[in-house]
Amino acid sequence: MSLYSKLNELWREKPEELRALMKERLIKWRRQPAVVRVDKPLRLDRARQLGYKAKQGFAVVRVRVRRGGFQKPRPRAGRRPKAIGVVKHKVNVSMKEEAIQHAKKKFPNLYPLGAYWVAEDGMYKWFEVIMVDPHHPSIRKDKEIQLPNTLLKHIARREKKKTEKKKQTS
């Protein structure tokens, strides 16, 4: 049995030690901001499945998403309609996709490779989003990293413009 399959099995079965450890972590995570960059992924097996490598250009972001239905109760006190804040989640967007959108908003220069569930309590769900910097040299050289074709074309176009400018100035 490989290391990654063993890690996957541990996360599925959740032994008592892991549950106690996660309980302590959740207490700390609740006090942190909703989007936090972390050094290493908590679930290495899932991160590697999504394409994570422990090298420059990769970032792991832990995102907290509010749990619950599609609507929250209307406030009883008066408000202007813009600030009423009734809608919570979109119907056609999963919480995982919502977490990816939060991470993209916080780190607009990074491209998300994917996300996976980490923990949940009564109010929140936490996801780890694996993000990559498509302009980093070590990422550009690595052929194994799957970036969308449109993004690669955009980067190539930008580089072509830079080289043309350099030729004109010299």
N, C-alpha and C. Protein backbone atom coordinates (compact mmCIF):
# COMPACT_ATOMS: atom_id res chain seq x y z
N MET A 1 0.84 -1.18 0.00
CA MET A 1 0.00 0.00 0.00
C MET A 1 0.89 1.24 0.00
N SER A 2 0.62 2.15 -0.93
CA SER A 2 1.45 3.34 -1.06
C SER A 2 1.10 4.36 0.03
N LEU A 3 1.95 5.34 0.15
CA LEU A 3 1.76 6.39 1.15
C LEU A 3 0.48 7.17 0.89
N TYR A 4 0.25 7.53 -0.39
CA TYR A 4 -0.92 8.34 -0.72
C TYR A 4 -2.22 7.58 -0.50
N SER A 5 -2.23 6.29 -0.80
CA SER A 5 -3.46 5.51 -0.55
C SER A 5 -3.69 5.35 0.95
N LYS A 6 -2.62 5.27 1.73
CA LYS A 6 -2.75 5.19 3.19
C LYS A 6 -3.31 6.51 3.75
N LEU A 7 -2.80 7.64 3.23
CA LEU A 7 -3.33 8.94 3.65
C LEU A 7 -4.81 9.08 3.30
N ASN A 8 -5.17 8.63 2.10
CA ASN A 8 -6.56 8.69 1.66
C ASN A 8 -7.46 7.85 2.59
N GLU A 9 -6.97 6.69 2.96
CA GLU A 9 -7.73 5.80 3.85
C GLU A 9 -7.90 6.44 5.24
N LEU A 10 -6.84 7.09 5.74
CA LEU A 10 -6.94 7.77 7.04
C LEU A 10 -8.00 8.86 7.02
N TRP A 11 -8.05 9.64 5.94
CA TRP A 11 -9.03 10.72 5.86
C TRP A 11 -10.45 10.18 5.71
N ARG A 12 -10.59 9.01 5.09
CA ARG A 12 -11.92 8.41 4.95
C ARG A 12 -12.41 7.84 6.27
N GLU A 13 -11.51 7.16 6.99
CA GLU A 13 -11.92 6.50 8.24
C GLU A 13 -11.94 7.45 9.44
N LYS A 14 -11.10 8.47 9.43
CA LYS A 14 -10.98 9.46 10.51
C LYS A 14 -10.83 8.81 11.89
N PRO A 15 -9.64 8.31 12.20
CA PRO A 15 -9.41 7.75 13.53
C PRO A 15 -9.55 8.81 14.62
N GLU A 16 -9.62 8.37 15.84
CA GLU A 16 -9.88 9.27 16.98
C GLU A 16 -8.80 10.35 17.11
N GLU A 17 -7.53 10.00 16.85
CA GLU A 17 -6.44 10.98 16.95
C GLU A 17 -6.63 12.11 15.93
N LEU A 18 -7.04 11.75 14.71
CA LEU A 18 -7.25 12.75 13.67
C LEU A 18 -8.43 13.65 14.03
N ARG A 19 -9.49 13.07 14.56
CA ARG A 19 -10.65 13.87 14.96
C ARG A 19 -10.29 14.88 16.05
N ALA A 20 -9.50 14.43 17.04
CA ALA A 20 -9.08 15.34 18.12
C ALA A 20 -8.19 16.46 17.57
N LEU A 21 -7.29 16.10 16.68
CA LEU A 21 -6.39 17.08 16.08
C LEU A 21 -7.18 18.11 15.25
N MET A 22 -8.15 17.64 14.49
CA MET A 22 -8.96 18.54 13.66
C MET A 22 -9.83 19.45 14.53
N LYS A 23 -10.28 18.95 15.66
CA LYS A 23 -11.08 19.77 16.57
C LYS A 23 -10.26 20.96 17.08
N GLU A 24 -9.01 20.70 17.44
CA GLU A 24 -8.11 21.77 17.88
C GLU A 24 -7.85 22.77 16.75
N ARG A 25 -7.64 22.25 15.54
CA ARG A 25 -7.36 23.12 14.41
C ARG A 25 -8.56 24.01 14.09
N LEU A 26 -9.75 23.44 14.15
CA LEU A 26 -10.95 24.22 13.84
C LEU A 26 -11.12 25.40 14.79
N ILE A 27 -10.75 25.22 16.05
CA ILE A 27 -10.83 26.32 17.02
C ILE A 27 -9.95 27.47 16.57
N LYS A 28 -8.75 27.16 16.07
CA LYS A 28 -7.84 28.20 15.58
C LYS A 28 -8.33 28.79 14.26
N TRP A 29 -8.81 27.93 13.36
CA TRP A 29 -9.22 28.38 12.03
C TRP A 29 -10.41 29.33 12.08
N ARG A 30 -11.30 29.15 13.05
CA ARG A 30 -12.49 30.00 13.16
C ARG A 30 -12.11 31.46 13.39
N ARG A 31 -10.98 31.68 14.07
CA ARG A 31 -10.53 33.04 14.38
C ARG A 31 -9.72 33.66 13.25
N GLN A 32 -9.33 32.87 12.27
CA GLN A 32 -8.54 33.37 11.15
C GLN A 32 -9.44 33.98 10.08
N PRO A 33 -8.86 34.74 9.14
CA PRO A 33 -9.65 35.27 8.03
C PRO A 33 -10.23 34.14 7.17
N ALA A 34 -11.18 34.48 6.31
CA ALA A 34 -11.86 33.47 5.50
C ALA A 34 -10.93 32.85 4.46
N VAL A 35 -9.98 33.61 3.94
CA VAL A 35 -9.04 33.10 2.94
C VAL A 35 -7.63 33.27 3.49
N VAL A 36 -6.93 32.14 3.69
CA VAL A 36 -5.59 32.15 4.29
C VAL A 36 -4.66 31.31 3.43
N ARG A 37 -3.50 31.88 3.11
CA ARG A 37 -2.49 31.10 2.40
C ARG A 37 -1.73 30.25 3.42
N VAL A 38 -1.56 28.96 3.13
CA VAL A 38 -0.85 28.06 4.03
C VAL A 38 0.41 27.54 3.34
N ASP A 39 1.36 27.08 4.16
CA ASP A 39 2.64 26.64 3.61
C ASP A 39 2.53 25.33 2.84
N LYS A 40 1.86 24.36 3.45
CA LYS A 40 1.77 23.02 2.86
C LYS A 40 0.32 22.55 2.88
N PRO A 41 -0.05 21.69 1.95
CA PRO A 41 -1.42 21.17 1.99
C PRO A 41 -1.62 20.21 3.15
N LEU A 42 -2.81 20.22 3.70
CA LEU A 42 -3.14 19.34 4.81
C LEU A 42 -3.35 17.90 4.31
N ARG A 43 -3.97 17.79 3.16
CA ARG A 43 -4.22 16.47 2.56
C ARG A 43 -3.32 16.34 1.33
N LEU A 44 -2.14 15.82 1.55
CA LEU A 44 -1.14 15.74 0.49
C LEU A 44 -1.60 14.84 -0.65
N ASP A 45 -2.33 13.77 -0.34
CA ASP A 45 -2.79 12.86 -1.38
C ASP A 45 -3.73 13.56 -2.36
N ARG A 46 -4.69 14.33 -1.86
CA ARG A 46 -5.64 15.04 -2.72
C ARG A 46 -4.93 16.17 -3.50
N ALA A 47 -4.01 16.85 -2.82
CA ALA A 47 -3.29 17.93 -3.48
C ALA A 47 -2.47 17.40 -4.66
N ARG A 48 -1.83 16.27 -4.48
CA ARG A 48 -1.03 15.68 -5.54
C ARG A 48 -1.92 15.20 -6.70
N GLN A 49 -3.12 14.71 -6.37
CA GLN A 49 -4.06 14.30 -7.43
C GLN A 49 -4.46 15.49 -8.30
N LEU A 50 -4.55 16.66 -7.69
CA LEU A 50 -4.94 17.87 -8.43
C LEU A 50 -3.77 18.48 -9.19
N GLY A 51 -2.55 18.02 -8.93
CA GLY A 51 -1.39 18.52 -9.67
C GLY A 51 -0.41 19.30 -8.84
N TYR A 52 -0.56 19.32 -7.52
CA TYR A 52 0.34 20.08 -6.64
C TYR A 52 1.74 19.48 -6.63
N LYS A 53 2.73 20.35 -6.65
CA LYS A 53 4.13 19.95 -6.46
C LYS A 53 4.74 20.92 -5.46
N ALA A 54 5.63 20.43 -4.64
CA ALA A 54 6.28 21.28 -3.62
C ALA A 54 7.42 22.06 -4.26
N LYS A 55 7.06 23.07 -5.05
CA LYS A 55 8.07 23.90 -5.70
C LYS A 55 7.53 25.31 -5.86
N GLN A 56 8.40 26.22 -6.25
CA GLN A 56 8.00 27.61 -6.41
C GLN A 56 6.94 27.72 -7.50
N GLY A 57 6.03 28.66 -7.28
CA GLY A 57 4.97 28.86 -8.25
C GLY A 57 3.65 28.26 -7.82
N PHE A 58 3.68 27.35 -6.83
CA PHE A 58 2.46 26.75 -6.30
C PHE A 58 2.09 27.42 -4.99
N ALA A 59 0.80 27.58 -4.76
CA ALA A 59 0.30 28.15 -3.51
C ALA A 59 -0.89 27.31 -3.06
N VAL A 60 -0.98 27.12 -1.75
CA VAL A 60 -2.12 26.42 -1.16
C VAL A 60 -2.88 27.43 -0.33
N VAL A 61 -4.18 27.54 -0.58
CA VAL A 61 -5.02 28.52 0.09
C VAL A 61 -6.16 27.79 0.80
N ARG A 62 -6.31 28.05 2.10
CA ARG A 62 -7.43 27.48 2.84
C ARG A 62 -8.56 28.50 2.87
N VAL A 63 -9.74 28.08 2.42
CA VAL A 63 -10.88 28.98 2.29
C VAL A 63 -12.01 28.50 3.18
N ARG A 64 -12.60 29.43 3.92
CA ARG A 64 -13.76 29.13 4.77
C ARG A 64 -15.01 29.60 4.04
N VAL A 65 -15.98 28.70 3.92
CA VAL A 65 -17.25 29.02 3.26
C VAL A 65 -18.38 28.80 4.26
N ARG A 66 -19.33 29.72 4.26
CA ARG A 66 -20.47 29.64 5.17
C ARG A 66 -21.40 28.50 4.76
N ARG A 67 -21.82 27.70 5.70
CA ARG A 67 -22.73 26.60 5.41
C ARG A 67 -24.17 27.10 5.44
N GLY A 68 -25.06 26.28 4.93
CA GLY A 68 -26.47 26.61 5.03
C GLY A 68 -27.16 26.56 3.69
N GLY A 69 -28.43 26.94 3.69
CA GLY A 69 -29.25 26.88 2.49
C GLY A 69 -28.99 28.04 1.56
N PHE A 70 -29.92 28.23 0.63
CA PHE A 70 -29.75 29.26 -0.38
C PHE A 70 -30.17 30.63 0.12
N GLN A 71 -30.96 30.69 1.16
CA GLN A 71 -31.38 31.99 1.65
C GLN A 71 -31.27 32.05 3.17
N LYS A 72 -31.05 33.24 3.67
CA LYS A 72 -31.10 33.46 5.11
C LYS A 72 -32.34 34.31 5.40
N PRO A 73 -32.83 34.32 6.62
CA PRO A 73 -34.06 35.06 6.88
C PRO A 73 -33.90 36.55 6.63
N ARG A 74 -34.98 37.17 6.19
CA ARG A 74 -34.96 38.61 5.95
C ARG A 74 -34.81 39.33 7.28
N PRO A 75 -34.03 40.40 7.31
CA PRO A 75 -33.89 41.15 8.56
C PRO A 75 -35.20 41.85 8.92
N ARG A 76 -35.47 41.93 10.21
CA ARG A 76 -36.73 42.54 10.68
C ARG A 76 -36.62 44.06 10.74
N ALA A 77 -35.44 44.58 11.01
CA ALA A 77 -35.26 46.04 11.09
C ALA A 77 -35.13 46.62 9.68
N GLY A 78 -35.31 47.93 9.55
CA GLY A 78 -35.30 48.58 8.24
C GLY A 78 -33.91 48.67 7.64
N ARG A 79 -33.85 48.48 6.34
CA ARG A 79 -32.61 48.60 5.58
C ARG A 79 -32.95 49.05 4.17
N ARG A 80 -31.97 49.60 3.48
CA ARG A 80 -32.19 49.85 2.06
C ARG A 80 -32.04 48.52 1.33
N PRO A 81 -32.73 48.31 0.24
CA PRO A 81 -32.76 47.00 -0.42
C PRO A 81 -31.37 46.47 -0.80
N LYS A 82 -30.46 47.37 -1.16
CA LYS A 82 -29.12 46.94 -1.57
C LYS A 82 -28.39 46.22 -0.44
N ALA A 83 -28.61 46.66 0.80
CA ALA A 83 -27.84 46.14 1.94
C ALA A 83 -28.60 45.07 2.71
N ILE A 84 -29.67 44.55 2.15
CA ILE A 84 -30.48 43.60 2.91
C ILE A 84 -29.79 42.23 3.05
N GLY A 85 -28.99 41.83 2.04
CA GLY A 85 -28.16 40.63 2.15
C GLY A 85 -28.90 39.35 2.39
N VAL A 86 -29.95 39.09 1.61
CA VAL A 86 -30.75 37.89 1.84
C VAL A 86 -30.11 36.67 1.20
N VAL A 87 -29.52 36.85 0.03
CA VAL A 87 -29.00 35.70 -0.71
C VAL A 87 -27.67 35.27 -0.10
N LYS A 88 -27.52 33.97 0.10
CA LYS A 88 -26.32 33.42 0.71
C LYS A 88 -25.47 32.68 -0.33
N HIS A 89 -26.01 31.59 -0.86
CA HIS A 89 -25.30 30.80 -1.86
C HIS A 89 -26.11 30.79 -3.15
N LYS A 90 -25.42 30.60 -4.26
CA LYS A 90 -26.10 30.47 -5.54
C LYS A 90 -26.59 29.03 -5.69
N VAL A 91 -27.69 28.85 -6.38
CA VAL A 91 -28.30 27.53 -6.51
C VAL A 91 -27.42 26.59 -7.31
N ASN A 92 -26.84 27.10 -8.39
CA ASN A 92 -26.09 26.23 -9.31
C ASN A 92 -24.59 26.20 -9.03
N VAL A 93 -24.15 26.76 -7.92
CA VAL A 93 -22.73 26.79 -7.58
C VAL A 93 -22.53 26.00 -6.28
N SER A 94 -21.66 24.98 -6.33
CA SER A 94 -21.39 24.20 -5.13
C SER A 94 -20.51 25.01 -4.17
N MET A 95 -20.43 24.56 -2.93
CA MET A 95 -19.60 25.27 -1.96
C MET A 95 -18.12 25.21 -2.34
N LYS A 96 -17.72 24.10 -2.97
CA LYS A 96 -16.34 23.98 -3.43
C LYS A 96 -16.04 25.02 -4.50
N GLU A 97 -16.94 25.19 -5.45
CA GLU A 97 -16.75 26.20 -6.49
C GLU A 97 -16.77 27.61 -5.89
N GLU A 98 -17.59 27.80 -4.88
CA GLU A 98 -17.65 29.08 -4.18
C GLU A 98 -16.29 29.37 -3.52
N ALA A 99 -15.70 28.34 -2.91
CA ALA A 99 -14.38 28.49 -2.28
C ALA A 99 -13.32 28.86 -3.32
N ILE A 100 -13.40 28.25 -4.49
CA ILE A 100 -12.45 28.56 -5.56
C ILE A 100 -12.61 30.02 -5.99
N GLN A 101 -13.85 30.49 -6.09
CA GLN A 101 -14.09 31.87 -6.47
C GLN A 101 -13.55 32.85 -5.43
N HIS A 102 -13.70 32.51 -4.14
CA HIS A 102 -13.16 33.36 -3.07
C HIS A 102 -11.64 33.45 -3.19
N ALA A 103 -10.99 32.29 -3.46
CA ALA A 103 -9.53 32.27 -3.58
C ALA A 103 -9.07 33.07 -4.81
N LYS A 104 -9.80 32.96 -5.92
CA LYS A 104 -9.46 33.72 -7.12
C LYS A 104 -9.58 35.22 -6.88
N LYS A 105 -10.57 35.62 -6.09
CA LYS A 105 -10.76 37.03 -5.79
C LYS A 105 -9.62 37.57 -4.93
N LYS A 106 -9.14 36.75 -3.99
CA LYS A 106 -8.06 37.16 -3.09
C LYS A 106 -6.70 37.17 -3.81
N PHE A 107 -6.48 36.18 -4.69
CA PHE A 107 -5.21 36.06 -5.42
C PHE A 107 -5.49 36.09 -6.93
N PRO A 108 -5.72 37.28 -7.51
CA PRO A 108 -6.11 37.35 -8.92
C PRO A 108 -5.00 36.94 -9.90
N ASN A 109 -3.74 36.96 -9.47
CA ASN A 109 -2.65 36.59 -10.37
C ASN A 109 -2.41 35.09 -10.44
N LEU A 110 -3.08 34.31 -9.59
CA LEU A 110 -2.90 32.86 -9.57
C LEU A 110 -4.07 32.16 -10.24
N TYR A 111 -3.79 30.98 -10.80
CA TYR A 111 -4.82 30.18 -11.47
C TYR A 111 -5.13 28.96 -10.60
N PRO A 112 -6.40 28.70 -10.28
CA PRO A 112 -6.72 27.54 -9.44
C PRO A 112 -6.71 26.23 -10.23
N LEU A 113 -6.01 25.24 -9.69
CA LEU A 113 -6.00 23.91 -10.31
C LEU A 113 -7.18 23.07 -9.81
N GLY A 114 -7.60 23.32 -8.58
CA GLY A 114 -8.72 22.57 -8.01
C GLY A 114 -8.79 22.78 -6.52
N ALA A 115 -9.79 22.14 -5.90
CA ALA A 115 -9.99 22.28 -4.47
C ALA A 115 -10.49 20.96 -3.90
N TYR A 116 -10.36 20.82 -2.60
CA TYR A 116 -10.85 19.64 -1.91
C TYR A 116 -11.27 20.01 -0.50
N TRP A 117 -12.19 19.23 0.05
CA TRP A 117 -12.73 19.44 1.39
C TRP A 117 -11.66 19.13 2.43
N VAL A 118 -11.63 19.95 3.49
CA VAL A 118 -10.68 19.71 4.57
C VAL A 118 -11.41 19.45 5.88
N ALA A 119 -12.36 20.33 6.22
CA ALA A 119 -13.05 20.18 7.50
C ALA A 119 -14.38 20.93 7.45
N GLU A 120 -15.20 20.67 8.45
CA GLU A 120 -16.46 21.41 8.58
C GLU A 120 -16.92 21.37 10.02
N ASP A 121 -17.69 22.39 10.40
CA ASP A 121 -18.35 22.40 11.69
C ASP A 121 -19.79 22.85 11.46
N GLY A 122 -20.46 23.29 12.49
CA GLY A 122 -21.86 23.66 12.36
C GLY A 122 -22.09 24.88 11.48
N MET A 123 -21.13 25.80 11.41
CA MET A 123 -21.32 27.04 10.65
C MET A 123 -20.55 27.12 9.34
N TYR A 124 -19.39 26.47 9.28
CA TYR A 124 -18.51 26.66 8.12
C TYR A 124 -18.04 25.34 7.54
N LYS A 125 -17.58 25.42 6.27
CA LYS A 125 -16.83 24.35 5.62
C LYS A 125 -15.51 24.95 5.18
N TRP A 126 -14.45 24.19 5.31
CA TRP A 126 -13.13 24.65 4.87
C TRP A 126 -12.69 23.80 3.69
N PHE A 127 -12.15 24.48 2.68
CA PHE A 127 -11.59 23.82 1.51
C PHE A 127 -10.17 24.31 1.32
N GLU A 128 -9.32 23.46 0.78
CA GLU A 128 -7.99 23.90 0.37
C GLU A 128 -8.00 24.00 -1.15
N VAL A 129 -7.57 25.14 -1.65
CA VAL A 129 -7.53 25.40 -3.08
C VAL A 129 -6.06 25.40 -3.51
N ILE A 130 -5.74 24.57 -4.51
CA ILE A 130 -4.38 24.52 -5.05
C ILE A 130 -4.31 25.53 -6.19
N MET A 131 -3.40 26.50 -6.05
CA MET A 131 -3.28 27.55 -7.06
C MET A 131 -1.85 27.57 -7.60
N VAL A 132 -1.75 28.00 -8.85
CA VAL A 132 -0.45 28.02 -9.51
C VAL A 132 -0.27 29.37 -10.19
N ASP A 133 0.97 29.85 -10.17
CA ASP A 133 1.31 31.10 -10.85
C ASP A 133 1.74 30.75 -12.28
N PRO A 134 0.89 31.01 -13.27
CA PRO A 134 1.21 30.58 -14.65
C PRO A 134 2.39 31.34 -15.26
N HIS A 135 2.78 32.47 -14.67
CA HIS A 135 3.88 33.26 -15.24
C HIS A 135 5.23 32.94 -14.60
N HIS A 136 5.26 32.09 -13.58
CA HIS A 136 6.51 31.76 -12.90
C HIS A 136 7.37 30.88 -13.81
N PRO A 137 8.68 31.16 -13.89
CA PRO A 137 9.55 30.39 -14.79
C PRO A 137 9.55 28.88 -14.53
N SER A 138 9.54 28.47 -13.26
CA SER A 138 9.57 27.03 -12.97
C SER A 138 8.27 26.35 -13.39
N ILE A 139 7.17 27.09 -13.39
CA ILE A 139 5.89 26.53 -13.83
C ILE A 139 5.85 26.48 -15.36
N ARG A 140 6.40 27.49 -15.98
CA ARG A 140 6.40 27.55 -17.45
C ARG A 140 7.23 26.42 -18.04
N LYS A 141 8.33 26.06 -17.36
CA LYS A 141 9.21 25.01 -17.87
C LYS A 141 8.63 23.61 -17.67
N ASP A 142 7.79 23.44 -16.66
CA ASP A 142 7.24 22.13 -16.31
C ASP A 142 6.12 21.75 -17.28
N LYS A 143 6.32 20.70 -18.04
CA LYS A 143 5.34 20.27 -19.04
C LYS A 143 4.20 19.45 -18.43
N GLU A 144 4.38 18.94 -17.22
CA GLU A 144 3.36 18.10 -16.59
C GLU A 144 2.17 18.91 -16.06
N ILE A 145 2.37 20.19 -15.79
CA ILE A 145 1.31 21.01 -15.22
C ILE A 145 0.30 21.35 -16.30
N GLN A 146 -0.96 21.02 -16.04
CA GLN A 146 -2.02 21.21 -17.02
C GLN A 146 -2.70 22.56 -16.82
N LEU A 147 -2.31 23.53 -17.62
CA LEU A 147 -2.96 24.84 -17.63
C LEU A 147 -3.87 24.90 -18.86
N PRO A 148 -4.96 25.65 -18.78
CA PRO A 148 -5.85 25.71 -19.95
C PRO A 148 -5.17 26.36 -21.15
N ASN A 149 -5.53 25.91 -22.32
CA ASN A 149 -4.89 26.36 -23.56
C ASN A 149 -5.05 27.86 -23.76
N THR A 150 -6.21 28.41 -23.39
CA THR A 150 -6.44 29.84 -23.57
C THR A 150 -5.48 30.67 -22.73
N LEU A 151 -5.20 30.19 -21.51
CA LEU A 151 -4.26 30.90 -20.63
C LEU A 151 -2.85 30.86 -21.21
N LEU A 152 -2.45 29.70 -21.73
CA LEU A 152 -1.12 29.58 -22.33
C LEU A 152 -0.97 30.48 -23.55
N LYS A 153 -2.03 30.58 -24.36
CA LYS A 153 -1.99 31.46 -25.53
C LYS A 153 -1.85 32.92 -25.11
N HIS A 154 -2.57 33.29 -24.04
CA HIS A 154 -2.52 34.65 -23.52
C HIS A 154 -1.10 34.99 -23.05
N ILE A 155 -0.47 34.07 -22.35
CA ILE A 155 0.90 34.28 -21.85
C ILE A 155 1.87 34.41 -23.03
N ALA A 156 1.71 33.56 -24.03
CA ALA A 156 2.58 33.60 -25.20
C ALA A 156 2.43 34.93 -25.94
N ARG A 157 1.19 35.43 -26.04
CA ARG A 157 0.94 36.72 -26.69
C ARG A 157 1.63 37.85 -25.95
N ARG A 158 1.57 37.82 -24.63
CA ARG A 158 2.20 38.86 -23.82
C ARG A 158 3.71 38.84 -23.99
N GLU A 159 4.29 37.64 -24.02
CA GLU A 159 5.74 37.52 -24.20
C GLU A 159 6.17 38.04 -25.56
N LYS A 160 5.35 37.75 -26.57
CA LYS A 160 5.67 38.20 -27.92
C LYS A 160 5.69 39.73 -27.99
N LYS A 161 4.73 40.37 -27.31
CA LYS A 161 4.69 41.83 -27.27
C LYS A 161 5.92 42.39 -26.57
N LYS A 162 6.35 41.73 -25.48
CA LYS A 162 7.52 42.20 -24.74
C LYS A 162 8.78 42.15 -25.61
N THR A 163 8.95 41.04 -26.33
CA THR A 163 10.14 40.90 -27.17
C THR A 163 10.12 41.91 -28.31
N GLU A 164 8.93 42.20 -28.86
CA GLU A 164 8.82 43.20 -29.92
C GLU A 164 9.19 44.59 -29.40
N LYS A 165 8.77 44.92 -28.18
CA LYS A 165 9.11 46.21 -27.59
C LYS A 165 10.61 46.34 -27.37
N LYS A 166 11.24 45.24 -26.91
CA LYS A 166 12.68 45.27 -26.67
C LYS A 166 13.45 45.51 -27.97
N LYS A 167 12.97 44.85 -29.06
CA LYS A 167 13.62 45.03 -30.36
C LYS A 167 13.49 46.46 -30.85
N GLN A 168 12.33 47.07 -30.60
CA GLN A 168 12.11 48.44 -31.06
C GLN A 168 12.97 49.44 -30.31
N THR A 169 13.13 49.22 -29.00
CA THR A 169 13.91 50.16 -28.20
C THR A 169 15.41 50.03 -28.45
N SER A 170 15.88 48.86 -28.83
CA SER A 170 17.32 48.69 -29.03
C SER A 170 17.72 48.86 -30.48
